[in-house]
Amino acid sequence: MYDLPPDLLRLRTLETYLAMLLGDVRERIAKAEQQQAAAAPVRARLEGPAYVLSYLRERGQPVVDSVHLGDCRQASHHTRPLTREQALQAITSGGIRACEICRPDSELGVLE
């Protein structure tokens, strides 16, 4: 244990000093956290549609495959942009499957 002074006056002085020191440490921590957060890379949202309809080619003809989020890398090269409402309709009543990777159905609030 530390050698602490026996009298109340010096103990209160020590308490005040340590409280001030703790405040300074907390301020320094907050500043360091802000600097770290500012330096962290932010994933930029890609420009483009929020949802796309992906097509496959069968015998030279486009065939509807699935609905994807706009930035999904699993979508084929042949896509068509969809509005939120169109994507929702395609998944719920259009009989078109949702991508199992990007899960546009979860984003749309559709429960399977």
C-alpha atoms as a PDB file:
ATOM      1  CA  MET A   1       0.000   0.000   0.000  1.00  0.00           C
ATOM      2  CA  TYR A   2       1.055   3.582  -0.545  1.00  0.00           C
ATOM      3  CA  ASP A   3       2.231   5.757   2.312  1.00  0.00           C
ATOM      4  CA  LEU A   4      -0.650   8.160   2.658  1.00  0.00           C
ATOM      5  CA  PRO A   5      -0.689  11.114   5.013  1.00  0.00           C
ATOM      6  CA  PRO A   6      -2.556  10.460   8.246  1.00  0.00           C
ATOM      7  CA  ASP A   7      -4.409  13.779   8.553  1.00  0.00           C
ATOM      8  CA  LEU A   8      -7.653  14.752   6.835  1.00  0.00           C
ATOM      9  CA  LEU A   9      -6.384  18.031   5.364  1.00  0.00           C
ATOM     10  CA  ARG A  10      -3.552  16.418   3.407  1.00  0.00           C
ATOM     11  CA  LEU A  11      -5.800  13.499   2.354  1.00  0.00           C
ATOM     12  CA  ARG A  12      -8.355  15.975   0.934  1.00  0.00           C
ATOM     13  CA  THR A  13      -5.574  17.844  -0.868  1.00  0.00           C
ATOM     14  CA  LEU A  14      -4.344  14.604  -2.384  1.00  0.00           C
ATOM     15  CA  GLU A  15      -7.904  13.693  -3.386  1.00  0.00           C
ATOM     16  CA  THR A  16      -8.343  17.049  -5.151  1.00  0.00           C
ATOM     17  CA  TYR A  17      -5.042  16.661  -6.993  1.00  0.00           C
ATOM     18  CA  LEU A  18      -5.891  13.125  -8.133  1.00  0.00           C
ATOM     19  CA  ALA A  19      -9.380  14.200  -9.269  1.00  0.00           C
ATOM     20  CA  MET A  20      -7.812  16.970 -11.383  1.00  0.00           C
ATOM     21  CA  LEU A  21      -5.272  14.531 -12.793  1.00  0.00           C
ATOM     22  CA  LEU A  22      -8.032  12.040 -13.640  1.00  0.00           C
ATOM     23  CA  GLY A  23      -9.943  14.811 -15.432  1.00  0.00           C
ATOM     24  CA  ASP A  24      -6.865  15.643 -17.497  1.00  0.00           C
ATOM     25  CA  VAL A  25      -6.379  11.979 -18.407  1.00  0.00           C
ATOM     26  CA  ARG A  26     -10.024  11.653 -19.473  1.00  0.00           C
ATOM     27  CA  GLU A  27      -9.743  14.773 -21.649  1.00  0.00           C
ATOM     28  CA  ARG A  28      -6.615  13.361 -23.292  1.00  0.00           C
ATOM     29  CA  ILE A  29      -8.410  10.049 -23.920  1.00  0.00           C
ATOM     30  CA  ALA A  30     -11.384  11.853 -25.498  1.00  0.00           C
ATOM     31  CA  LYS A  31      -9.061  13.849 -27.744  1.00  0.00           C
ATOM     32  CA  ALA A  32      -7.177  10.709 -28.815  1.00  0.00           C
ATOM     33  CA  GLU A  33     -10.469   8.914 -29.581  1.00  0.00           C
ATOM     34  CA  GLN A  34     -11.635  11.850 -31.721  1.00  0.00           C
ATOM     35  CA  GLN A  35      -8.357  11.855 -33.651  1.00  0.00           C
ATOM     36  CA  GLN A  36      -8.548   8.098 -34.166  1.00  0.00           C
ATOM     37  CA  ALA A  37     -12.171   8.304 -35.365  1.00  0.00           C
ATOM     38  CA  ALA A  38     -11.295  11.130 -37.768  1.00  0.00           C
ATOM     39  CA  ALA A  39      -8.409   9.120 -39.209  1.00  0.00           C
ATOM     40  CA  ALA A  40     -10.482   5.943 -39.681  1.00  0.00           C
ATOM     41  CA  PRO A  41     -11.443   5.267 -43.294  1.00  0.00           C
ATOM     42  CA  VAL A  42     -15.094   5.785 -44.103  1.00  0.00           C
ATOM     43  CA  ARG A  43     -16.682   3.512 -46.670  1.00  0.00           C
ATOM     44  CA  ALA A  44     -18.106   5.778 -49.304  1.00  0.00           C
ATOM     45  CA  ARG A  45     -21.511   4.851 -50.616  1.00  0.00           C
ATOM     46  CA  LEU A  46     -21.297   4.165 -54.313  1.00  0.00           C
ATOM     47  CA  GLU A  47     -23.266   6.385 -56.618  1.00  0.00           C
ATOM     48  CA  GLY A  48     -26.012   4.483 -58.328  1.00  0.00           C
ATOM     49  CA  PRO A  49     -29.204   2.584 -57.655  1.00  0.00           C
ATOM     50  CA  ALA A  50     -29.977   1.072 -54.272  1.00  0.00           C
ATOM     51  CA  TYR A  51     -31.350  -2.123 -55.873  1.00  0.00           C
ATOM     52  CA  VAL A  52     -30.724  -3.876 -59.189  1.00  0.00           C
ATOM     53  CA  LEU A  53     -32.347  -6.698 -61.109  1.00  0.00           C
ATOM     54  CA  SER A  54     -29.704  -9.111 -62.361  1.00  0.00           C
ATOM     55  CA  TYR A  55     -30.050 -10.986 -65.656  1.00  0.00           C
ATOM     56  CA  LEU A  56     -28.340 -14.106 -66.958  1.00  0.00           C
ATOM     57  CA  ARG A  57     -27.975 -15.034 -70.618  1.00  0.00           C
ATOM     58  CA  GLU A  58     -29.556 -18.228 -71.907  1.00  0.00           C
ATOM     59  CA  ARG A  59     -29.234 -18.905 -75.631  1.00  0.00           C
ATOM     60  CA  GLY A  60     -28.482 -15.223 -76.178  1.00  0.00           C
ATOM     61  CA  GLN A  61     -31.637 -14.069 -74.391  1.00  0.00           C
ATOM     62  CA  PRO A  62     -31.727 -12.236 -71.043  1.00  0.00           C
ATOM     63  CA  VAL A  63     -33.380 -14.210 -68.239  1.00  0.00           C
ATOM     64  CA  VAL A  64     -34.227 -12.592 -64.906  1.00  0.00           C
ATOM     65  CA  ASP A  65     -32.035 -14.037 -62.160  1.00  0.00           C
ATOM     66  CA  SER A  66     -32.258 -12.160 -58.854  1.00  0.00           C
ATOM     67  CA  VAL A  67     -32.578  -8.880 -56.966  1.00  0.00           C
ATOM     68  CA  HIS A  68     -29.408  -7.406 -55.419  1.00  0.00           C
ATOM     69  CA  LEU A  69     -28.364  -4.356 -53.469  1.00  0.00           C
ATOM     70  CA  GLY A  70     -26.868  -1.821 -55.859  1.00  0.00           C
ATOM     71  CA  ASP A  71     -23.268  -2.407 -54.755  1.00  0.00           C
ATOM     72  CA  CYS A  72     -23.401  -6.232 -54.591  1.00  0.00           C
ATOM     73  CA  ARG A  73     -20.505  -7.864 -56.415  1.00  0.00           C
ATOM     74  CA  GLN A  74     -22.520 -11.038 -56.969  1.00  0.00           C
ATOM     75  CA  ALA A  75     -24.845  -9.318 -59.447  1.00  0.00           C
ATOM     76  CA  SER A  76     -24.170 -10.211 -63.068  1.00  0.00           C
ATOM     77  CA  HIS A  77     -22.844  -7.632 -65.506  1.00  0.00           C
ATOM     78  CA  HIS A  78     -26.328  -7.363 -66.982  1.00  0.00           C
ATOM     79  CA  THR A  79     -28.506  -5.419 -64.543  1.00  0.00           C
ATOM     80  CA  ARG A  80     -31.361  -2.980 -64.481  1.00  0.00           C
ATOM     81  CA  PRO A  81     -31.847  -0.412 -61.702  1.00  0.00           C
ATOM     82  CA  LEU A  82     -34.885  -0.849 -59.463  1.00  0.00           C
ATOM     83  CA  THR A  83     -36.665   1.481 -57.097  1.00  0.00           C
ATOM     84  CA  ARG A  84     -37.324   0.281 -53.562  1.00  0.00           C
ATOM     85  CA  GLU A  85     -40.947  -0.443 -54.464  1.00  0.00           C
ATOM     86  CA  GLN A  86     -40.000  -2.388 -57.599  1.00  0.00           C
ATOM     87  CA  ALA A  87     -37.459  -4.468 -55.665  1.00  0.00           C
ATOM     88  CA  LEU A  88     -40.012  -5.208 -52.966  1.00  0.00           C
ATOM     89  CA  GLN A  89     -42.610  -6.260 -55.523  1.00  0.00           C
ATOM     90  CA  ALA A  90     -40.111  -8.421 -57.427  1.00  0.00           C
ATOM     91  CA  ILE A  91     -39.171 -10.331 -54.284  1.00  0.00           C
ATOM     92  CA  THR A  92     -42.617 -10.652 -52.717  1.00  0.00           C
ATOM     93  CA  SER A  93     -45.022 -11.161 -55.604  1.00  0.00           C
ATOM     94  CA  GLY A  94     -42.797 -11.320 -58.673  1.00  0.00           C
ATOM     95  CA  GLY A  95     -41.303 -14.687 -57.807  1.00  0.00           C
ATOM     96  CA  ILE A  96     -37.758 -13.404 -58.202  1.00  0.00           C
ATOM     97  CA  ARG A  97     -35.244 -14.589 -55.647  1.00  0.00           C
ATOM     98  CA  ALA A  98     -33.212 -12.265 -53.450  1.00  0.00           C
ATOM     99  CA  CYS A  99     -29.426 -12.587 -53.456  1.00  0.00           C
ATOM    100  CA  GLU A 100     -28.269 -14.781 -50.576  1.00  0.00           C
ATOM    101  CA  ILE A 101     -25.089 -12.723 -50.171  1.00  0.00           C
ATOM    102  CA  CYS A 102     -26.226  -9.078 -50.006  1.00  0.00           C
ATOM    103  CA  ARG A 103     -29.731  -9.901 -48.663  1.00  0.00           C
ATOM    104  CA  PRO A 104     -31.877  -7.132 -50.209  1.00  0.00           C
ATOM    105  CA  ASP A 105     -34.890  -8.860 -48.652  1.00  0.00           C
ATOM    106  CA  SER A 106     -33.536  -8.065 -45.177  1.00  0.00           C
ATOM    107  CA  GLU A 107     -32.899  -4.466 -46.208  1.00  0.00           C
ATOM    108  CA  LEU A 108     -36.481  -4.263 -47.480  1.00  0.00           C
ATOM    109  CA  GLY A 109     -37.933  -5.809 -44.337  1.00  0.00           C
ATOM    110  CA  VAL A 110     -39.216  -8.950 -46.068  1.00  0.00           C
ATOM    111  CA  LEU A 111     -39.234 -11.989 -43.785  1.00  0.00           C
ATOM    112  CA  GLU A 112     -38.873 -15.405 -45.322  1.00  0.00           C
END
